[in-house]
Amino acid sequence: MSTRLRNWFFVFLDRLDAAKERRFLRQSFSRPVVRCYQRDDLKYYDKGYSVIVPGELMAGRKPERIIYRRSPLVWEQNGQQLTLDEQERVFHFVGNYLDQKKINWAFSDEK
């Protein structure tokens, strides 16, 4: 693959990711949205804001996914840390999302 074609391909993928991100942020005005983000983490969207919920994918083991509760959660758009009520809401929706997907998961207070 030529360098020029490779560069165009990565620009296309970046634009596709940006469009998906805008769509999730728009949807979050009507209801909270949770999705997998990168390999281990989950991303939570609510009222036009998003936060990355740290976790770990445990391939081939039980539980299949670990969610870290001790890591500080920060809104990506303004850099403000979530309040305790907001954190509980995030963890509630993340747990519901994983339950709906029938993923065996657990909270961890390690990180």
N, C-alpha and C. Protein backbone atom coordinates (compact mmCIF):
# COMPACT_ATOMS: atom_id res chain seq x y z
N MET A 1 0.85 -1.17 0.00
CA MET A 1 0.00 0.00 0.00
C MET A 1 0.90 1.24 0.00
N SER A 2 0.62 2.15 -0.89
CA SER A 2 1.44 3.35 -0.98
C SER A 2 1.20 4.25 0.23
N THR A 3 2.15 5.12 0.48
CA THR A 3 2.06 6.03 1.63
C THR A 3 0.87 6.97 1.48
N ARG A 4 0.65 7.44 0.28
CA ARG A 4 -0.46 8.37 0.03
C ARG A 4 -1.80 7.68 0.29
N LEU A 5 -1.96 6.46 -0.18
CA LEU A 5 -3.19 5.72 0.03
C LEU A 5 -3.38 5.38 1.51
N ARG A 6 -2.30 5.02 2.20
CA ARG A 6 -2.36 4.71 3.62
C ARG A 6 -2.79 5.95 4.42
N ASN A 7 -2.23 7.11 4.09
CA ASN A 7 -2.60 8.35 4.78
C ASN A 7 -4.08 8.66 4.57
N TRP A 8 -4.56 8.50 3.35
CA TRP A 8 -5.97 8.75 3.06
C TRP A 8 -6.86 7.80 3.86
N PHE A 9 -6.43 6.55 3.97
CA PHE A 9 -7.20 5.55 4.71
C PHE A 9 -7.31 5.94 6.18
N PHE A 10 -6.22 6.39 6.80
CA PHE A 10 -6.26 6.78 8.21
C PHE A 10 -7.08 8.05 8.42
N VAL A 11 -7.04 8.97 7.48
CA VAL A 11 -7.89 10.17 7.55
C VAL A 11 -9.36 9.75 7.50
N PHE A 12 -9.68 8.81 6.63
CA PHE A 12 -11.05 8.30 6.53
C PHE A 12 -11.50 7.67 7.85
N LEU A 13 -10.64 6.84 8.45
CA LEU A 13 -10.99 6.20 9.73
C LEU A 13 -11.17 7.22 10.84
N ASP A 14 -10.33 8.25 10.88
CA ASP A 14 -10.46 9.31 11.89
C ASP A 14 -11.78 10.05 11.74
N ARG A 15 -12.16 10.34 10.52
CA ARG A 15 -13.44 11.03 10.28
C ARG A 15 -14.62 10.15 10.65
N LEU A 16 -14.51 8.86 10.38
CA LEU A 16 -15.56 7.92 10.75
C LEU A 16 -15.71 7.86 12.27
N ASP A 17 -14.60 7.78 12.99
CA ASP A 17 -14.63 7.78 14.46
C ASP A 17 -15.23 9.07 15.01
N ALA A 18 -14.88 10.20 14.42
CA ALA A 18 -15.41 11.49 14.87
C ALA A 18 -16.92 11.56 14.64
N ALA A 19 -17.39 11.03 13.52
CA ALA A 19 -18.83 11.03 13.24
C ALA A 19 -19.57 10.13 14.23
N LYS A 20 -18.99 8.98 14.57
CA LYS A 20 -19.62 8.08 15.56
C LYS A 20 -19.66 8.76 16.92
N GLU A 21 -18.60 9.45 17.30
CA GLU A 21 -18.56 10.14 18.58
C GLU A 21 -19.64 11.23 18.65
N ARG A 22 -19.78 12.01 17.58
CA ARG A 22 -20.84 13.04 17.54
C ARG A 22 -22.22 12.41 17.64
N ARG A 23 -22.43 11.26 16.99
CA ARG A 23 -23.72 10.59 17.06
C ARG A 23 -24.03 10.13 18.48
N PHE A 24 -23.06 9.54 19.17
CA PHE A 24 -23.27 9.10 20.55
C PHE A 24 -23.56 10.30 21.46
N LEU A 25 -22.85 11.40 21.27
CA LEU A 25 -23.10 12.60 22.08
C LEU A 25 -24.50 13.14 21.83
N ARG A 26 -24.96 13.14 20.58
CA ARG A 26 -26.33 13.58 20.26
C ARG A 26 -27.36 12.68 20.91
N GLN A 27 -27.15 11.36 20.83
CA GLN A 27 -28.09 10.41 21.44
C GLN A 27 -28.16 10.57 22.95
N SER A 28 -27.07 11.02 23.55
CA SER A 28 -27.02 11.11 25.01
C SER A 28 -27.95 12.19 25.57
N PHE A 29 -28.44 13.09 24.73
CA PHE A 29 -29.40 14.09 25.21
C PHE A 29 -30.76 13.47 25.49
N SER A 30 -31.08 12.36 24.84
CA SER A 30 -32.37 11.70 25.07
C SER A 30 -32.27 10.56 26.08
N ARG A 31 -31.12 9.90 26.16
CA ARG A 31 -30.92 8.80 27.10
C ARG A 31 -29.43 8.54 27.25
N PRO A 32 -28.99 8.03 28.41
CA PRO A 32 -27.57 7.70 28.56
C PRO A 32 -27.16 6.57 27.61
N VAL A 33 -25.93 6.64 27.13
CA VAL A 33 -25.41 5.65 26.19
C VAL A 33 -24.11 5.09 26.77
N VAL A 34 -23.94 3.78 26.68
CA VAL A 34 -22.71 3.12 27.09
C VAL A 34 -22.22 2.30 25.91
N ARG A 35 -20.91 2.34 25.67
CA ARG A 35 -20.33 1.51 24.61
C ARG A 35 -18.93 1.09 25.00
N CYS A 36 -18.45 0.04 24.36
CA CYS A 36 -17.07 -0.39 24.57
C CYS A 36 -16.14 0.65 23.96
N TYR A 37 -15.03 0.88 24.61
CA TYR A 37 -14.08 1.89 24.14
C TYR A 37 -12.68 1.28 24.19
N GLN A 38 -12.04 1.28 23.06
CA GLN A 38 -10.73 0.67 22.89
C GLN A 38 -10.80 -0.79 23.35
N ARG A 39 -9.79 -1.30 24.00
CA ARG A 39 -9.77 -2.73 24.32
C ARG A 39 -10.44 -3.03 25.66
N ASP A 40 -10.08 -2.28 26.69
CA ASP A 40 -10.50 -2.62 28.04
C ASP A 40 -11.60 -1.73 28.60
N ASP A 41 -11.65 -0.49 28.20
CA ASP A 41 -12.51 0.50 28.84
C ASP A 41 -13.91 0.53 28.24
N LEU A 42 -14.77 1.24 28.95
CA LEU A 42 -16.11 1.54 28.47
C LEU A 42 -16.26 3.05 28.44
N LYS A 43 -17.16 3.54 27.61
CA LYS A 43 -17.39 4.97 27.54
C LYS A 43 -18.86 5.23 27.81
N TYR A 44 -19.12 6.20 28.69
CA TYR A 44 -20.47 6.56 29.10
C TYR A 44 -20.76 7.97 28.60
N TYR A 45 -21.93 8.15 27.98
CA TYR A 45 -22.36 9.45 27.45
C TYR A 45 -23.66 9.84 28.14
N ASP A 46 -23.74 11.10 28.57
CA ASP A 46 -24.96 11.61 29.19
C ASP A 46 -25.03 13.12 29.03
N LYS A 47 -26.14 13.60 28.49
CA LYS A 47 -26.41 15.04 28.34
C LYS A 47 -25.29 15.78 27.61
N GLY A 48 -24.75 15.18 26.58
CA GLY A 48 -23.73 15.82 25.77
C GLY A 48 -22.32 15.73 26.32
N TYR A 49 -22.13 14.98 27.39
CA TYR A 49 -20.82 14.79 27.99
C TYR A 49 -20.45 13.31 27.94
N SER A 50 -19.16 13.04 28.00
CA SER A 50 -18.71 11.65 27.99
C SER A 50 -17.61 11.46 29.02
N VAL A 51 -17.51 10.23 29.51
CA VAL A 51 -16.47 9.87 30.47
C VAL A 51 -16.01 8.45 30.15
N ILE A 52 -14.71 8.23 30.28
CA ILE A 52 -14.14 6.89 30.07
C ILE A 52 -14.12 6.17 31.41
N VAL A 53 -14.73 4.99 31.43
CA VAL A 53 -14.79 4.17 32.64
C VAL A 53 -13.71 3.09 32.50
N PRO A 54 -12.68 3.16 33.34
CA PRO A 54 -11.59 2.19 33.20
C PRO A 54 -12.01 0.78 33.59
N GLY A 55 -11.51 -0.16 32.85
CA GLY A 55 -11.80 -1.56 33.12
C GLY A 55 -10.70 -2.44 32.56
N GLU A 56 -10.94 -3.73 32.64
CA GLU A 56 -9.98 -4.68 32.11
C GLU A 56 -10.73 -5.87 31.55
N LEU A 57 -10.37 -6.25 30.34
CA LEU A 57 -10.94 -7.42 29.69
C LEU A 57 -10.15 -8.63 30.14
N MET A 58 -10.83 -9.59 30.74
CA MET A 58 -10.16 -10.79 31.26
C MET A 58 -10.48 -11.96 30.31
N ALA A 59 -9.71 -12.10 29.27
CA ALA A 59 -9.99 -13.09 28.24
C ALA A 59 -9.91 -14.50 28.80
N GLY A 60 -10.99 -15.23 28.63
CA GLY A 60 -11.01 -16.64 29.01
C GLY A 60 -11.13 -16.91 30.50
N ARG A 61 -11.43 -15.89 31.29
CA ARG A 61 -11.56 -16.09 32.74
C ARG A 61 -12.88 -15.52 33.24
N LYS A 62 -13.23 -15.90 34.44
CA LYS A 62 -14.41 -15.34 35.10
C LYS A 62 -13.94 -14.44 36.21
N PRO A 63 -14.40 -13.26 36.37
CA PRO A 63 -15.32 -12.56 35.47
C PRO A 63 -14.63 -12.16 34.17
N GLU A 64 -15.44 -11.96 33.14
CA GLU A 64 -14.90 -11.62 31.83
C GLU A 64 -14.42 -10.17 31.74
N ARG A 65 -14.99 -9.32 32.60
CA ARG A 65 -14.62 -7.91 32.57
C ARG A 65 -14.61 -7.37 33.99
N ILE A 66 -13.58 -6.57 34.30
CA ILE A 66 -13.46 -5.93 35.62
C ILE A 66 -13.61 -4.43 35.41
N ILE A 67 -14.41 -3.79 36.24
CA ILE A 67 -14.60 -2.34 36.21
C ILE A 67 -13.94 -1.76 37.46
N TYR A 68 -13.03 -0.81 37.26
CA TYR A 68 -12.31 -0.21 38.38
C TYR A 68 -13.07 1.01 38.90
N ARG A 69 -13.49 0.95 40.16
CA ARG A 69 -14.26 2.03 40.77
C ARG A 69 -13.39 3.13 41.37
N ARG A 70 -12.16 2.83 41.71
CA ARG A 70 -11.32 3.82 42.40
C ARG A 70 -10.69 4.85 41.47
N SER A 71 -10.61 4.55 40.20
CA SER A 71 -10.00 5.49 39.25
C SER A 71 -10.86 6.75 39.16
N PRO A 72 -10.23 7.92 39.13
CA PRO A 72 -11.02 9.16 39.05
C PRO A 72 -11.71 9.26 37.70
N LEU A 73 -12.99 9.59 37.74
CA LEU A 73 -13.77 9.78 36.52
C LEU A 73 -13.87 11.27 36.23
N VAL A 74 -13.53 11.66 35.01
CA VAL A 74 -13.49 13.06 34.62
C VAL A 74 -14.25 13.23 33.31
N TRP A 75 -15.14 14.23 33.24
CA TRP A 75 -15.83 14.53 31.99
C TRP A 75 -14.80 14.96 30.96
N GLU A 76 -14.86 14.39 29.78
CA GLU A 76 -13.87 14.70 28.74
C GLU A 76 -14.02 16.12 28.20
N GLN A 77 -15.24 16.64 28.17
CA GLN A 77 -15.49 17.93 27.54
C GLN A 77 -14.99 19.12 28.38
N ASN A 78 -15.05 19.02 29.71
CA ASN A 78 -14.65 20.17 30.53
C ASN A 78 -13.61 19.84 31.59
N GLY A 79 -13.22 18.59 31.73
CA GLY A 79 -12.18 18.21 32.67
C GLY A 79 -12.59 18.19 34.13
N GLN A 80 -13.88 18.35 34.42
CA GLN A 80 -14.34 18.34 35.81
C GLN A 80 -14.54 16.91 36.29
N GLN A 81 -14.17 16.69 37.53
CA GLN A 81 -14.35 15.37 38.13
C GLN A 81 -15.83 15.15 38.45
N LEU A 82 -16.29 13.92 38.28
CA LEU A 82 -17.68 13.59 38.56
C LEU A 82 -17.93 13.59 40.06
N THR A 83 -19.14 14.00 40.46
CA THR A 83 -19.53 13.93 41.86
C THR A 83 -19.83 12.47 42.20
N LEU A 84 -19.98 12.18 43.48
CA LEU A 84 -20.29 10.80 43.90
C LEU A 84 -21.60 10.32 43.31
N ASP A 85 -22.62 11.19 43.25
CA ASP A 85 -23.91 10.80 42.65
C ASP A 85 -23.75 10.50 41.17
N GLU A 86 -22.98 11.32 40.47
CA GLU A 86 -22.76 11.08 39.04
C GLU A 86 -21.98 9.78 38.83
N GLN A 87 -21.01 9.52 39.69
CA GLN A 87 -20.25 8.27 39.56
C GLN A 87 -21.14 7.06 39.76
N GLU A 88 -22.01 7.11 40.76
CA GLU A 88 -22.93 6.00 41.00
C GLU A 88 -23.86 5.79 39.80
N ARG A 89 -24.31 6.88 39.20
CA ARG A 89 -25.16 6.78 38.00
C ARG A 89 -24.40 6.13 36.85
N VAL A 90 -23.15 6.53 36.67
CA VAL A 90 -22.32 5.94 35.61
C VAL A 90 -22.15 4.45 35.84
N PHE A 91 -21.79 4.06 37.07
CA PHE A 91 -21.58 2.64 37.35
C PHE A 91 -22.87 1.84 37.22
N HIS A 92 -24.00 2.45 37.57
CA HIS A 92 -25.29 1.77 37.43
C HIS A 92 -25.57 1.46 35.96
N PHE A 93 -25.39 2.46 35.09
CA PHE A 93 -25.67 2.25 33.66
C PHE A 93 -24.65 1.32 33.02
N VAL A 94 -23.40 1.39 33.44
CA VAL A 94 -22.39 0.47 32.91
C VAL A 94 -22.73 -0.97 33.31
N GLY A 95 -23.13 -1.16 34.58
CA GLY A 95 -23.53 -2.50 35.03
C GLY A 95 -24.73 -3.02 34.26
N ASN A 96 -25.73 -2.16 34.03
CA ASN A 96 -26.90 -2.58 33.24
C ASN A 96 -26.52 -2.95 31.82
N TYR A 97 -25.61 -2.18 31.23
CA TYR A 97 -25.16 -2.45 29.87
C TYR A 97 -24.49 -3.83 29.79
N LEU A 98 -23.60 -4.11 30.74
CA LEU A 98 -22.91 -5.40 30.74
C LEU A 98 -23.87 -6.55 31.01
N ASP A 99 -24.85 -6.33 31.89
CA ASP A 99 -25.86 -7.36 32.14
C ASP A 99 -26.69 -7.65 30.89
N GLN A 100 -27.07 -6.59 30.16
CA GLN A 100 -27.85 -6.78 28.93
C GLN A 100 -27.06 -7.57 27.88
N LYS A 101 -25.76 -7.35 27.85
CA LYS A 101 -24.91 -8.07 26.90
C LYS A 101 -24.52 -9.46 27.40
N LYS A 102 -25.02 -9.83 28.60
CA LYS A 102 -24.76 -11.13 29.21
C LYS A 102 -23.26 -11.37 29.41
N ILE A 103 -22.59 -10.33 29.88
CA ILE A 103 -21.16 -10.40 30.17
C ILE A 103 -21.00 -10.58 31.67
N ASN A 104 -20.22 -11.56 32.07
CA ASN A 104 -19.93 -11.80 33.48
C ASN A 104 -18.90 -10.76 33.90
N TRP A 105 -19.24 -9.90 34.86
CA TRP A 105 -18.37 -8.79 35.23
C TRP A 105 -18.36 -8.60 36.74
N ALA A 106 -17.42 -7.78 37.21
CA ALA A 106 -17.32 -7.48 38.64
C ALA A 106 -16.65 -6.12 38.81
N PHE A 107 -16.94 -5.48 39.94
CA PHE A 107 -16.25 -4.24 40.31
C PHE A 107 -14.97 -4.59 41.04
N SER A 108 -13.97 -3.73 40.90
CA SER A 108 -12.74 -3.89 41.65
C SER A 108 -12.37 -2.52 42.23
N ASP A 109 -11.89 -2.50 43.45
CA ASP A 109 -11.48 -1.26 44.10
C ASP A 109 -9.96 -1.13 44.14
N GLU A 110 -9.25 -1.82 43.26
CA GLU A 110 -7.79 -1.84 43.30
C GLU A 110 -7.16 -0.55 42.81
N LYS A 111 -7.51 -0.08 41.62
CA LYS A 111 -6.79 1.05 41.02
C LYS A 111 -7.21 2.37 41.60
